[in-house]
Amino acid sequence: MKSTSWLIFFSVLLPSLLSANNNAAPPRIPKLDIRFTQKGFKTVPENFVAICNSAAMTIARHYPDRKFKPILIPKANHGYPVQLDQKGPNGESMIMLAVSDGWGWAQIAFQFSHEFAHIVINQDQPRAGPNHWINEAFCEAASYHAIKVMAEEWKTHPPYRNWKSYAKHLDSYAGNYLKKENARPEGMEFIPWLRKHEKALRLGKRYPNREIYKYVSYQLYGLIGKNPKHLAAVGLLNTGLKDQALTTRQYLARWKKVLPPAHKSFADQTAAVLGFPLSSQ
């Protein structure tokens, strides 16, 4: 075959290969066992579980070797979404959501992915004390990521074929949280704004104000969106943590130390975005 023929051949083949790669089925490892156990709730339980599984897998795929416990959803119309400290009758993880029915799929996915991120970060780990706001901000950022990934993957590989048309609604839902104005809360540059509110976030301890930390989440999502593989680093935020009185900078520096080499740069990026560079750490 002449060189010009080869060139034509590859010019036709390459786009097909790239398209095939972009349309690859979402990962199915690790396998998650999610069970909706509430009786009488307005939903199709199988659909509810399919949505939650799709959302959680956008995060769990970055932990292919982790053995996640079965997850029970005993209540979907709780007053607020929460990953419970208490375990199920057989040691299962438990998550409760705050939705009125089973038809708001984007809201279900958004809430469940946030609480699943808490399983990844906080379950069976030391508490972060005044630095818990960083945990919450990462969980919220993970939920933004989940919705965006689902919006893309459902175009070709939704849980059921007839759900493809819902992809655009997921993308629209994510857009509500990813508005450009969130980059400048109160019209301020982000780092000076964070300095203004850091004390309040730290005083919130386990219950920081979401109306404050959501702006931190916006910044963290920017990092995750550029390189989602670093979601594998957030599960180590509290690993081996012994001192809950660490400053924000100390907390981030300690996290960097326990990260494998492939993810240490992500700790640097996170610290820089928050205004606590670790170059000398």
C-alpha atoms as a PDB file:
ATOM      1  CA  MET A   1       0.000   0.000   0.000  1.00  0.00           C
ATOM      2  CA  LYS A   2       1.364   3.425  -0.914  1.00  0.00           C
ATOM      3  CA  SER A   3       2.117   5.954   1.852  1.00  0.00           C
ATOM      4  CA  THR A   4      -0.705   8.224   0.693  1.00  0.00           C
ATOM      5  CA  SER A   5      -3.094   5.294   0.960  1.00  0.00           C
ATOM      6  CA  TRP A   6      -1.900   4.587   4.499  1.00  0.00           C
ATOM      7  CA  LEU A   7      -2.460   8.241   5.380  1.00  0.00           C
ATOM      8  CA  ILE A   8      -6.022   8.128   4.077  1.00  0.00           C
ATOM      9  CA  PHE A   9      -6.624   4.837   5.902  1.00  0.00           C
ATOM     10  CA  PHE A  10      -5.495   6.183   9.273  1.00  0.00           C
ATOM     11  CA  SER A  11      -7.292   9.494   8.812  1.00  0.00           C
ATOM     12  CA  VAL A  12     -10.498   7.483   8.549  1.00  0.00           C
ATOM     13  CA  LEU A  13      -9.625   4.939  11.247  1.00  0.00           C
ATOM     14  CA  LEU A  14      -8.336   7.279  13.960  1.00  0.00           C
ATOM     15  CA  PRO A  15     -11.580   9.218  14.555  1.00  0.00           C
ATOM     16  CA  SER A  16     -13.408   5.896  14.789  1.00  0.00           C
ATOM     17  CA  LEU A  17     -10.965   4.626  17.392  1.00  0.00           C
ATOM     18  CA  LEU A  18     -11.214   7.821  19.420  1.00  0.00           C
ATOM     19  CA  SER A  19     -14.997   7.718  19.252  1.00  0.00           C
ATOM     20  CA  ALA A  20     -15.019   4.117  20.387  1.00  0.00           C
ATOM     21  CA  ASN A  21     -12.787   5.019  23.328  1.00  0.00           C
ATOM     22  CA  ASN A  22     -15.007   7.954  24.326  1.00  0.00           C
ATOM     23  CA  ASN A  23     -18.037   5.683  24.211  1.00  0.00           C
ATOM     24  CA  ALA A  24     -16.488   2.977  26.367  1.00  0.00           C
ATOM     25  CA  ALA A  25     -18.802   1.549  29.002  1.00  0.00           C
ATOM     26  CA  PRO A  26     -18.305   2.989  32.522  1.00  0.00           C
ATOM     27  CA  PRO A  27     -16.156   0.878  34.877  1.00  0.00           C
ATOM     28  CA  ARG A  28     -17.964  -1.726  36.961  1.00  0.00           C
ATOM     29  CA  ILE A  29     -15.197  -2.372  39.460  1.00  0.00           C
ATOM     30  CA  PRO A  30     -15.438  -2.304  42.412  1.00  0.00           C
ATOM     31  CA  LYS A  31     -18.883  -3.832  42.613  1.00  0.00           C
ATOM     32  CA  LEU A  32     -21.242  -1.920  44.889  1.00  0.00           C
ATOM     33  CA  ASP A  33     -24.154  -3.436  46.798  1.00  0.00           C
ATOM     34  CA  ILE A  34     -26.740  -0.680  47.361  1.00  0.00           C
ATOM     35  CA  ARG A  35     -30.130  -1.556  48.851  1.00  0.00           C
ATOM     36  CA  PHE A  36     -33.153   0.720  49.125  1.00  0.00           C
ATOM     37  CA  THR A  37     -35.037  -0.563  52.170  1.00  0.00           C
ATOM     38  CA  GLN A  38     -37.676   2.102  52.875  1.00  0.00           C
ATOM     39  CA  LYS A  39     -41.237   0.850  52.500  1.00  0.00           C
ATOM     40  CA  GLY A  40     -44.017   2.887  50.903  1.00  0.00           C
ATOM     41  CA  PHE A  41     -41.798   5.562  49.369  1.00  0.00           C
ATOM     42  CA  LYS A  42     -42.898   6.933  45.988  1.00  0.00           C
ATOM     43  CA  THR A  43     -40.326   5.330  43.719  1.00  0.00           C
ATOM     44  CA  VAL A  44     -39.371   2.268  41.732  1.00  0.00           C
ATOM     45  CA  PRO A  45     -36.742   0.777  44.067  1.00  0.00           C
ATOM     46  CA  GLU A  46     -34.717  -0.765  41.230  1.00  0.00           C
ATOM     47  CA  ASN A  47     -34.512   2.607  39.477  1.00  0.00           C
ATOM     48  CA  PHE A  48     -33.595   4.380  42.693  1.00  0.00           C
ATOM     49  CA  VAL A  49     -30.731   1.953  43.277  1.00  0.00           C
ATOM     50  CA  ALA A  50     -29.574   2.224  39.646  1.00  0.00           C
ATOM     51  CA  ILE A  51     -29.260   6.008  39.988  1.00  0.00           C
ATOM     52  CA  CYS A  52     -27.378   5.753  43.274  1.00  0.00           C
ATOM     53  CA  ASN A  53     -25.058   3.100  41.875  1.00  0.00           C
ATOM     54  CA  SER A  54     -24.307   5.202  38.799  1.00  0.00           C
ATOM     55  CA  ALA A  55     -23.513   8.211  40.999  1.00  0.00           C
ATOM     56  CA  ALA A  56     -21.344   6.304  43.462  1.00  0.00           C
ATOM     57  CA  MET A  57     -19.386   4.545  40.745  1.00  0.00           C
ATOM     58  CA  THR A  58     -18.077   7.861  39.417  1.00  0.00           C
ATOM     59  CA  ILE A  59     -16.095   7.960  42.679  1.00  0.00           C
ATOM     60  CA  ALA A  60     -15.677   4.275  43.547  1.00  0.00           C
ATOM     61  CA  ARG A  61     -13.950   3.544  40.217  1.00  0.00           C
ATOM     62  CA  HIS A  62     -10.920   5.318  41.639  1.00  0.00           C
ATOM     63  CA  TYR A  63     -10.780   2.724  44.447  1.00  0.00           C
ATOM     64  CA  PRO A  64     -10.837  -0.516  42.427  1.00  0.00           C
ATOM     65  CA  ASP A  65      -9.254  -2.600  45.200  1.00  0.00           C
ATOM     66  CA  ARG A  66     -11.386  -1.306  48.058  1.00  0.00           C
ATOM     67  CA  LYS A  67     -14.032  -3.630  49.452  1.00  0.00           C
ATOM     68  CA  PHE A  68     -17.030  -1.431  50.161  1.00  0.00           C
ATOM     69  CA  LYS A  69     -19.595  -2.671  52.643  1.00  0.00           C
ATOM     70  CA  PRO A  70     -23.182  -3.019  51.430  1.00  0.00           C
ATOM     71  CA  ILE A  71     -24.995   0.316  51.647  1.00  0.00           C
ATOM     72  CA  LEU A  72     -28.533   0.555  53.002  1.00  0.00           C
ATOM     73  CA  ILE A  73     -30.853   3.474  52.264  1.00  0.00           C
ATOM     74  CA  PRO A  74     -33.420   3.160  55.077  1.00  0.00           C
ATOM     75  CA  LYS A  75     -34.996   6.573  54.477  1.00  0.00           C
ATOM     76  CA  ALA A  76     -35.020   8.783  51.391  1.00  0.00           C
ATOM     77  CA  ASN A  77     -37.202  11.587  52.787  1.00  0.00           C
ATOM     78  CA  HIS A  78     -35.133  12.358  55.857  1.00  0.00           C
ATOM     79  CA  GLY A  79     -34.821  15.989  56.936  1.00  0.00           C
ATOM     80  CA  TYR A  80     -31.326  16.201  55.423  1.00  0.00           C
ATOM     81  CA  PRO A  81     -28.967  13.848  53.592  1.00  0.00           C
ATOM     82  CA  VAL A  82     -26.508  12.069  55.878  1.00  0.00           C
ATOM     83  CA  GLN A  83     -24.074   9.177  56.001  1.00  0.00           C
ATOM     84  CA  LEU A  84     -24.851   7.623  59.364  1.00  0.00           C
ATOM     85  CA  ASP A  85     -22.200   6.658  61.892  1.00  0.00           C
ATOM     86  CA  GLN A  86     -24.303   3.723  63.004  1.00  0.00           C
ATOM     87  CA  LYS A  87     -24.155   0.536  60.971  1.00  0.00           C
ATOM     88  CA  GLY A  88     -26.936  -1.678  59.663  1.00  0.00           C
ATOM     89  CA  PRO A  89     -27.942  -4.970  61.329  1.00  0.00           C
ATOM     90  CA  ASN A  90     -25.122  -6.801  59.555  1.00  0.00           C
ATOM     91  CA  GLY A  91     -22.530  -4.040  59.606  1.00  0.00           C
ATOM     92  CA  GLU A  92     -23.762  -2.310  56.455  1.00  0.00           C
ATOM     93  CA  SER A  93     -23.091   1.344  55.765  1.00  0.00           C
ATOM     94  CA  MET A  94     -26.207   3.523  55.905  1.00  0.00           C
ATOM     95  CA  ILE A  95     -27.120   6.657  53.972  1.00  0.00           C
ATOM     96  CA  MET A  96     -30.298   8.705  54.240  1.00  0.00           C
ATOM     97  CA  LEU A  97     -31.371  11.235  51.614  1.00  0.00           C
ATOM     98  CA  ALA A  98     -33.730  14.213  51.654  1.00  0.00           C
ATOM     99  CA  VAL A  99     -35.926  13.924  48.555  1.00  0.00           C
ATOM    100  CA  SER A 100     -39.707  14.043  48.341  1.00  0.00           C
ATOM    101  CA  ASP A 101     -40.051  11.188  45.855  1.00  0.00           C
ATOM    102  CA  GLY A 102     -38.022   8.938  43.574  1.00  0.00           C
ATOM    103  CA  TRP A 103     -38.455  10.972  40.388  1.00  0.00           C
ATOM    104  CA  GLY A 104     -35.896  13.714  40.958  1.00  0.00           C
ATOM    105  CA  TRP A 105     -33.050  11.644  39.593  1.00  0.00           C
ATOM    106  CA  ALA A 106     -30.431  14.405  39.484  1.00  0.00           C
ATOM    107  CA  GLN A 107     -31.133  15.396  43.075  1.00  0.00           C
ATOM    108  CA  ILE A 108     -30.912  11.773  44.186  1.00  0.00           C
ATOM    109  CA  ALA A 109     -27.586  11.325  42.386  1.00  0.00           C
ATOM    110  CA  PHE A 110     -26.237  14.586  43.784  1.00  0.00           C
ATOM    111  CA  GLN A 111     -27.091  13.778  47.386  1.00  0.00           C
ATOM    112  CA  PHE A 112     -26.048  10.146  47.237  1.00  0.00           C
ATOM    113  CA  SER A 113     -22.658  10.858  45.664  1.00  0.00           C
ATOM    114  CA  HIS A 114     -21.914  13.410  48.402  1.00  0.00           C
ATOM    115  CA  GLU A 115     -22.751  10.931  51.153  1.00  0.00           C
ATOM    116  CA  PHE A 116     -20.896   8.129  49.388  1.00  0.00           C
ATOM    117  CA  ALA A 117     -17.834  10.379  49.352  1.00  0.00           C
ATOM    118  CA  HIS A 118     -18.172  10.535  53.140  1.00  0.00           C
ATOM    119  CA  ILE A 119     -17.932   6.749  53.209  1.00  0.00           C
ATOM    120  CA  VAL A 120     -14.741   7.029  51.172  1.00  0.00           C
ATOM    121  CA  ILE A 121     -13.238   9.778  53.338  1.00  0.00           C
ATOM    122  CA  ASN A 122     -14.672   9.381  56.828  1.00  0.00           C
ATOM    123  CA  GLN A 123     -15.903   5.858  57.467  1.00  0.00           C
ATOM    124  CA  ASP A 124     -13.759   4.054  60.047  1.00  0.00           C
ATOM    125  CA  GLN A 125     -11.301   6.951  60.003  1.00  0.00           C
ATOM    126  CA  PRO A 126     -10.314   9.484  62.690  1.00  0.00           C
ATOM    127  CA  ARG A 127     -12.359  12.663  62.750  1.00  0.00           C
ATOM    128  CA  ALA A 128     -10.828  15.795  61.297  1.00  0.00           C
ATOM    129  CA  GLY A 129     -12.036  18.175  64.001  1.00  0.00           C
ATOM    130  CA  PRO A 130     -11.913  21.810  62.851  1.00  0.00           C
ATOM    131  CA  ASN A 131     -10.567  20.697  59.469  1.00  0.00           C
ATOM    132  CA  HIS A 132     -13.723  18.748  58.667  1.00  0.00           C
ATOM    133  CA  TRP A 133     -14.796  21.580  56.356  1.00  0.00           C
ATOM    134  CA  ILE A 134     -12.134  20.362  53.930  1.00  0.00           C
ATOM    135  CA  ASN A 135     -13.768  16.913  54.003  1.00  0.00           C
ATOM    136  CA  GLU A 136     -17.184  18.433  53.343  1.00  0.00           C
ATOM    137  CA  ALA A 137     -15.848  20.585  50.530  1.00  0.00           C
ATOM    138  CA  PHE A 138     -14.311  17.557  48.838  1.00  0.00           C
ATOM    139  CA  CYS A 139     -17.553  15.572  49.226  1.00  0.00           C
ATOM    140  CA  GLU A 140     -19.482  18.408  47.596  1.00  0.00           C
ATOM    141  CA  ALA A 141     -16.900  18.687  44.823  1.00  0.00           C
ATOM    142  CA  ALA A 142     -17.163  14.926  44.290  1.00  0.00           C
ATOM    143  CA  SER A 143     -20.919  15.308  43.845  1.00  0.00           C
ATOM    144  CA  TYR A 144     -20.390  17.990  41.177  1.00  0.00           C
ATOM    145  CA  HIS A 145     -17.997  15.589  39.473  1.00  0.00           C
ATOM    146  CA  ALA A 146     -20.493  12.735  39.742  1.00  0.00           C
ATOM    147  CA  ILE A 147     -23.282  14.648  38.027  1.00  0.00           C
ATOM    148  CA  LYS A 148     -20.992  15.858  35.225  1.00  0.00           C
ATOM    149  CA  VAL A 149     -19.627  12.360  34.600  1.00  0.00           C
ATOM    150  CA  MET A 150     -23.116  10.846  34.616  1.00  0.00           C
ATOM    151  CA  ALA A 151     -24.310  13.526  32.193  1.00  0.00           C
ATOM    152  CA  GLU A 152     -21.603  12.466  29.759  1.00  0.00           C
ATOM    153  CA  GLU A 153     -21.785   8.708  30.259  1.00  0.00           C
ATOM    154  CA  TRP A 154     -25.569   8.501  30.138  1.00  0.00           C
ATOM    155  CA  LYS A 155     -25.491   9.825  26.580  1.00  0.00           C
ATOM    156  CA  THR A 156     -24.273   6.381  25.509  1.00  0.00           C
ATOM    157  CA  HIS A 157     -24.316   4.088  28.554  1.00  0.00           C
ATOM    158  CA  PRO A 158     -27.134   4.911  30.975  1.00  0.00           C
ATOM    159  CA  PRO A 159     -28.298   2.204  33.404  1.00  0.00           C
ATOM    160  CA  TYR A 160     -31.159   1.510  30.986  1.00  0.00           C
ATOM    161  CA  ARG A 161     -31.218   2.330  27.269  1.00  0.00           C
ATOM    162  CA  ASN A 162     -34.330   4.478  27.461  1.00  0.00           C
ATOM    163  CA  TRP A 163     -32.658   6.793  29.996  1.00  0.00           C
ATOM    164  CA  LYS A 164     -30.261   8.384  27.470  1.00  0.00           C
ATOM    165  CA  SER A 165     -32.434  11.453  27.033  1.00  0.00           C
ATOM    166  CA  TYR A 166     -32.024  12.302  30.724  1.00  0.00           C
ATOM    167  CA  ALA A 167     -28.309  13.047  30.271  1.00  0.00           C
ATOM    168  CA  LYS A 168     -29.025  16.665  29.339  1.00  0.00           C
ATOM    169  CA  HIS A 169     -31.008  17.166  32.555  1.00  0.00           C
ATOM    170  CA  LEU A 170     -28.059  15.949  34.615  1.00  0.00           C
ATOM    171  CA  ASP A 171     -25.804  18.420  32.863  1.00  0.00           C
ATOM    172  CA  SER A 172     -28.287  21.227  33.476  1.00  0.00           C
ATOM    173  CA  TYR A 173     -28.510  20.291  37.167  1.00  0.00           C
ATOM    174  CA  ALA A 174     -24.730  20.435  37.512  1.00  0.00           C
ATOM    175  CA  GLY A 175     -24.757  23.858  35.904  1.00  0.00           C
ATOM    176  CA  ASN A 176     -26.756  25.193  38.840  1.00  0.00           C
ATOM    177  CA  TYR A 177     -23.731  24.611  41.074  1.00  0.00           C
ATOM    178  CA  LEU A 178     -20.940  25.416  38.647  1.00  0.00           C
ATOM    179  CA  LYS A 179     -21.765  29.000  37.762  1.00  0.00           C
ATOM    180  CA  LYS A 180     -18.748  31.162  36.996  1.00  0.00           C
ATOM    181  CA  GLU A 181     -19.735  33.717  39.611  1.00  0.00           C
ATOM    182  CA  ASN A 182     -18.999  31.094  42.284  1.00  0.00           C
ATOM    183  CA  ALA A 183     -15.319  31.688  41.558  1.00  0.00           C
ATOM    184  CA  ARG A 184     -15.654  35.119  43.222  1.00  0.00           C
ATOM    185  CA  PRO A 185     -17.872  34.776  46.317  1.00  0.00           C
ATOM    186  CA  GLU A 186     -19.141  38.108  47.563  1.00  0.00           C
ATOM    187  CA  GLY A 187     -17.334  39.611  44.565  1.00  0.00           C
ATOM    188  CA  MET A 188     -13.951  38.858  46.163  1.00  0.00           C
ATOM    189  CA  GLU A 189     -10.899  36.965  44.988  1.00  0.00           C
ATOM    190  CA  PHE A 190     -11.174  33.491  46.431  1.00  0.00           C
ATOM    191  CA  ILE A 191      -8.142  33.340  48.747  1.00  0.00           C
ATOM    192  CA  PRO A 192      -8.877  36.643  50.567  1.00  0.00           C
ATOM    193  CA  TRP A 193     -12.504  35.508  50.829  1.00  0.00           C
ATOM    194  CA  LEU A 194     -11.426  32.205  52.375  1.00  0.00           C
ATOM    195  CA  ARG A 195      -9.212  33.997  54.884  1.00  0.00           C
ATOM    196  CA  LYS A 196     -12.279  35.981  55.894  1.00  0.00           C
ATOM    197  CA  HIS A 197     -14.339  32.828  56.489  1.00  0.00           C
ATOM    198  CA  GLU A 198     -11.755  30.232  57.538  1.00  0.00           C
ATOM    199  CA  LYS A 199     -12.380  30.727  61.249  1.00  0.00           C
ATOM    200  CA  ALA A 200     -16.128  30.209  60.827  1.00  0.00           C
ATOM    201  CA  LEU A 201     -15.517  27.046  58.811  1.00  0.00           C
ATOM    202  CA  ARG A 202     -13.179  25.657  61.454  1.00  0.00           C
ATOM    203  CA  LEU A 203     -15.562  26.531  64.294  1.00  0.00           C
ATOM    204  CA  GLY A 204     -18.243  24.535  62.508  1.00  0.00           C
ATOM    205  CA  LYS A 205     -16.184  21.381  63.139  1.00  0.00           C
ATOM    206  CA  ARG A 206     -18.321  18.440  62.019  1.00  0.00           C
ATOM    207  CA  TYR A 207     -21.112  20.697  60.775  1.00  0.00           C
ATOM    208  CA  PRO A 208     -19.560  23.548  58.777  1.00  0.00           C
ATOM    209  CA  ASN A 209     -21.855  25.950  56.969  1.00  0.00           C
ATOM    210  CA  ARG A 210     -22.560  24.608  53.465  1.00  0.00           C
ATOM    211  CA  GLU A 211     -23.377  28.107  52.254  1.00  0.00           C
ATOM    212  CA  ILE A 212     -19.720  28.908  52.920  1.00  0.00           C
ATOM    213  CA  TYR A 213     -17.881  25.717  51.992  1.00  0.00           C
ATOM    214  CA  LYS A 214     -19.728  25.326  48.665  1.00  0.00           C
ATOM    215  CA  TYR A 215     -17.433  28.020  47.272  1.00  0.00           C
ATOM    216  CA  VAL A 216     -14.432  25.960  48.377  1.00  0.00           C
ATOM    217  CA  SER A 217     -16.019  22.991  46.604  1.00  0.00           C
ATOM    218  CA  TYR A 218     -16.203  24.985  43.401  1.00  0.00           C
ATOM    219  CA  GLN A 219     -12.445  25.512  43.549  1.00  0.00           C
ATOM    220  CA  LEU A 220     -11.725  21.866  44.379  1.00  0.00           C
ATOM    221  CA  TYR A 221     -13.958  20.681  41.558  1.00  0.00           C
ATOM    222  CA  GLY A 222     -11.780  22.683  39.186  1.00  0.00           C
ATOM    223  CA  LEU A 223      -8.834  20.512  40.241  1.00  0.00           C
ATOM    224  CA  ILE A 224     -10.760  17.250  40.101  1.00  0.00           C
ATOM    225  CA  GLY A 225     -12.187  18.060  36.692  1.00  0.00           C
ATOM    226  CA  LYS A 226      -8.691  18.524  35.272  1.00  0.00           C
ATOM    227  CA  ASN A 227      -7.465  15.164  36.561  1.00  0.00           C
ATOM    228  CA  PRO A 228     -10.167  12.927  38.091  1.00  0.00           C
ATOM    229  CA  LYS A 229      -7.635  10.202  38.972  1.00  0.00           C
ATOM    230  CA  HIS A 230      -6.733  12.302  42.007  1.00  0.00           C
ATOM    231  CA  LEU A 231     -10.076  11.432  43.570  1.00  0.00           C
ATOM    232  CA  ALA A 232      -8.086   8.425  44.778  1.00  0.00           C
ATOM    233  CA  ALA A 233      -6.245  10.814  47.105  1.00  0.00           C
ATOM    234  CA  VAL A 234      -9.238  12.115  49.062  1.00  0.00           C
ATOM    235  CA  GLY A 235      -9.787   8.768  50.764  1.00  0.00           C
ATOM    236  CA  LEU A 236      -6.521   9.355  52.622  1.00  0.00           C
ATOM    237  CA  LEU A 237      -7.384  12.777  54.032  1.00  0.00           C
ATOM    238  CA  ASN A 238      -7.721  11.445  57.580  1.00  0.00           C
ATOM    239  CA  THR A 239      -5.706   8.228  57.416  1.00  0.00           C
ATOM    240  CA  GLY A 240      -3.485   8.032  60.478  1.00  0.00           C
ATOM    241  CA  LEU A 241      -4.655  11.415  61.766  1.00  0.00           C
ATOM    242  CA  LYS A 242      -3.919  11.708  65.494  1.00  0.00           C
ATOM    243  CA  ASP A 243      -4.034  15.434  66.179  1.00  0.00           C
ATOM    244  CA  GLN A 244      -7.350  17.205  65.608  1.00  0.00           C
ATOM    245  CA  ALA A 245      -5.882  20.571  66.576  1.00  0.00           C
ATOM    246  CA  LEU A 246      -3.862  20.981  63.389  1.00  0.00           C
ATOM    247  CA  THR A 247      -4.030  24.251  61.499  1.00  0.00           C
ATOM    248  CA  THR A 248      -5.365  24.149  57.961  1.00  0.00           C
ATOM    249  CA  ARG A 249      -1.846  24.207  56.538  1.00  0.00           C
ATOM    250  CA  GLN A 250      -0.658  21.478  58.920  1.00  0.00           C
ATOM    251  CA  TYR A 251      -3.633  19.306  58.036  1.00  0.00           C
ATOM    252  CA  LEU A 252      -2.892  19.583  54.317  1.00  0.00           C
ATOM    253  CA  ALA A 253       0.835  18.980  54.840  1.00  0.00           C
ATOM    254  CA  ARG A 254       0.122  15.846  56.899  1.00  0.00           C
ATOM    255  CA  TRP A 255      -2.194  14.596  54.135  1.00  0.00           C
ATOM    256  CA  LYS A 256       0.546  15.098  51.568  1.00  0.00           C
ATOM    257  CA  LYS A 257       2.935  12.989  53.640  1.00  0.00           C
ATOM    258  CA  VAL A 258       0.627   9.950  53.656  1.00  0.00           C
ATOM    259  CA  LEU A 259      -0.174  10.154  49.940  1.00  0.00           C
ATOM    260  CA  PRO A 260       1.598   7.892  47.453  1.00  0.00           C
ATOM    261  CA  PRO A 261       3.986   9.733  45.102  1.00  0.00           C
ATOM    262  CA  ALA A 262       1.458   9.737  42.240  1.00  0.00           C
ATOM    263  CA  HIS A 263      -0.903  11.951  44.252  1.00  0.00           C
ATOM    264  CA  LYS A 264       1.389  14.238  46.245  1.00  0.00           C
ATOM    265  CA  SER A 265       1.098  16.886  43.549  1.00  0.00           C
ATOM    266  CA  PHE A 266      -2.654  16.962  44.140  1.00  0.00           C
ATOM    267  CA  ALA A 267      -2.083  17.926  47.778  1.00  0.00           C
ATOM    268  CA  ASP A 268       0.176  20.716  46.537  1.00  0.00           C
ATOM    269  CA  GLN A 269      -2.467  21.881  44.071  1.00  0.00           C
ATOM    270  CA  THR A 270      -5.191  21.778  46.724  1.00  0.00           C
ATOM    271  CA  ALA A 271      -3.112  23.705  49.215  1.00  0.00           C
ATOM    272  CA  ALA A 272      -2.199  26.307  46.609  1.00  0.00           C
ATOM    273  CA  VAL A 273      -5.829  26.825  45.591  1.00  0.00           C
ATOM    274  CA  LEU A 274      -6.746  27.333  49.251  1.00  0.00           C
ATOM    275  CA  GLY A 275      -3.848  29.724  49.769  1.00  0.00           C
ATOM    276  CA  PHE A 276      -1.622  27.453  51.883  1.00  0.00           C
ATOM    277  CA  PRO A 277       1.287  26.526  49.583  1.00  0.00           C
ATOM    278  CA  LEU A 278       3.275  23.512  50.734  1.00  0.00           C
ATOM    279  CA  SER A 279       6.403  24.042  48.648  1.00  0.00           C
ATOM    280  CA  SER A 280       8.577  24.151  51.760  1.00  0.00           C
ATOM    281  CA  GLN A 281       6.722  21.340  53.541  1.00  0.00           C
END
